[in-house]
């Protein structure tokens, strides 16, 4: 692929639209993940007593255990959501861009 082809692809509106949407979703998911993770870390640092509170009387399981599970499960779920979007919406957009380039519409 030469520089002129790369420039045509980069200037292609469909490619630019796809790149904007991918960046937006990635940025949003990253921010949400950082807020959850660092919120948990800050809670550990500043309110240990809350995380050490048992769920109910007589139980040894604490709120911190469930909060930790939530952070892990959240990471798996948000990754799954991104993969679903990437394999559906973004793959469709990528195929359209590639088809347009191969057919010479770009």
Protein backbone atom coordinates (compact mmCIF):
# COMPACT_ATOMS: atom_id res chain seq x y z
CA UNK A 1 0.00 0.00 0.00
CA UNK A 2 1.49 3.33 -0.99
CA UNK A 3 1.13 6.72 0.70
CA UNK A 4 -1.61 7.92 -1.67
CA UNK A 5 -3.81 4.92 -0.82
CA UNK A 6 -3.25 5.47 2.89
CA UNK A 7 -4.20 9.14 2.52
CA UNK A 8 -7.38 8.24 0.58
CA UNK A 9 -8.36 5.79 3.30
CA UNK A 10 -7.65 8.27 6.09
CA UNK A 11 -9.71 10.94 4.33
CA UNK A 12 -12.59 8.58 3.54
CA UNK A 13 -15.65 9.77 5.55
CA UNK A 14 -16.78 6.24 6.43
CA UNK A 15 -13.33 5.44 7.85
CA UNK A 16 -13.28 8.69 9.83
CA UNK A 17 -16.75 7.93 11.21
CA UNK A 18 -15.66 4.45 12.27
CA UNK A 19 -12.48 5.79 13.92
CA UNK A 20 -14.48 8.42 15.84
CA UNK A 21 -16.98 5.85 17.11
CA UNK A 22 -14.25 3.41 18.16
CA UNK A 23 -12.36 6.15 19.98
CA UNK A 24 -15.52 7.35 21.71
CA UNK A 25 -16.52 3.89 22.93
CA UNK A 26 -12.96 3.07 24.01
CA UNK A 27 -12.60 6.36 25.87
CA UNK A 28 -15.97 5.95 27.60
CA UNK A 29 -15.30 2.36 28.68
CA UNK A 30 -11.79 3.28 29.86
CA UNK A 31 -13.08 6.15 31.98
CA UNK A 32 -15.80 3.99 33.53
CA UNK A 33 -13.28 1.22 34.28
CA UNK A 34 -10.79 3.65 35.83
CA UNK A 35 -13.50 5.22 38.00
CA UNK A 36 -14.63 1.81 39.28
CA UNK A 37 -11.10 0.52 39.87
CA UNK A 38 -9.66 3.66 41.44
CA UNK A 39 -12.84 4.20 43.44
CA UNK A 40 -12.30 0.75 44.92
CA UNK A 41 -8.64 1.52 45.61
CA UNK A 42 -9.56 4.83 47.27
CA UNK A 43 -12.17 3.07 49.36
CA UNK A 44 -9.53 0.59 50.50
CA UNK A 45 -7.20 3.43 51.38
CA UNK A 46 -9.62 5.77 53.09
CA UNK A 47 -12.46 3.68 54.54
CA UNK A 48 -11.12 0.30 55.58
CA UNK A 49 -13.75 -0.02 58.28
CA UNK A 50 -16.56 0.03 55.68
CA UNK A 51 -14.93 -2.73 53.66
CA UNK A 52 -14.31 -4.70 56.85
CA UNK A 53 -17.96 -4.60 57.84
CA UNK A 54 -19.57 -8.06 57.84
CA UNK A 55 -22.55 -8.51 55.51
CA UNK A 56 -24.73 -9.68 58.39
CA UNK A 57 -24.38 -10.68 62.03
CA UNK A 58 -22.51 -13.92 62.51
CA UNK A 59 -20.99 -13.92 58.99
CA UNK A 60 -17.31 -13.56 58.31
CA UNK A 61 -17.79 -12.38 54.73
CA UNK A 62 -17.35 -8.62 54.50
CA UNK A 63 -18.51 -5.87 52.17
CA UNK A 64 -14.94 -5.65 50.86
CA UNK A 65 -15.11 -9.18 49.46
CA UNK A 66 -18.25 -8.39 47.49
CA UNK A 67 -16.84 -5.05 46.35
CA UNK A 68 -13.72 -6.85 45.08
CA UNK A 69 -15.85 -9.42 43.26
CA UNK A 70 -17.84 -6.58 41.73
CA UNK A 71 -14.69 -4.95 40.34
CA UNK A 72 -13.56 -8.24 38.78
CA UNK A 73 -16.99 -9.13 37.37
CA UNK A 74 -17.41 -5.57 36.08
CA UNK A 75 -14.12 -5.83 34.15
CA UNK A 76 -15.22 -9.09 32.53
CA UNK A 77 -18.68 -7.71 31.65
CA UNK A 78 -17.42 -4.43 30.17
CA UNK A 79 -14.83 -6.36 28.13
CA UNK A 80 -17.59 -8.63 26.83
CA UNK A 81 -19.72 -5.64 25.89
CA UNK A 82 -16.82 -4.07 23.99
CA UNK A 83 -16.04 -7.33 22.18
CA UNK A 84 -19.70 -7.67 21.18
CA UNK A 85 -19.76 -4.12 19.81
CA UNK A 86 -16.38 -4.55 18.08
CA UNK A 87 -17.34 -7.87 16.50
CA UNK A 88 -20.71 -6.55 15.36
CA UNK A 89 -20.91 -2.86 14.62
CA UNK A 90 -17.21 -2.14 14.03
CA UNK A 91 -16.60 -5.25 11.94
CA UNK A 92 -19.52 -4.29 9.71
CA UNK A 93 -18.11 -0.78 9.32
CA UNK A 94 -14.63 -2.18 8.61
CA UNK A 95 -15.97 -4.52 5.93
CA UNK A 96 -17.79 -1.63 4.26
CA UNK A 97 -14.62 0.48 4.19
CA UNK A 98 -12.56 -2.43 2.82
CA UNK A 99 -15.20 -3.23 0.18
CA UNK A 100 -15.30 0.41 -0.90
CA UNK A 101 -11.52 0.53 -1.15
CA UNK A 102 -11.25 -2.74 -3.08
CA UNK A 103 -14.04 -1.75 -5.47
CA UNK A 104 -12.33 1.60 -6.13
CA UNK A 105 -15.01 3.84 -4.63
CA UNK A 106 -12.35 5.55 -2.52
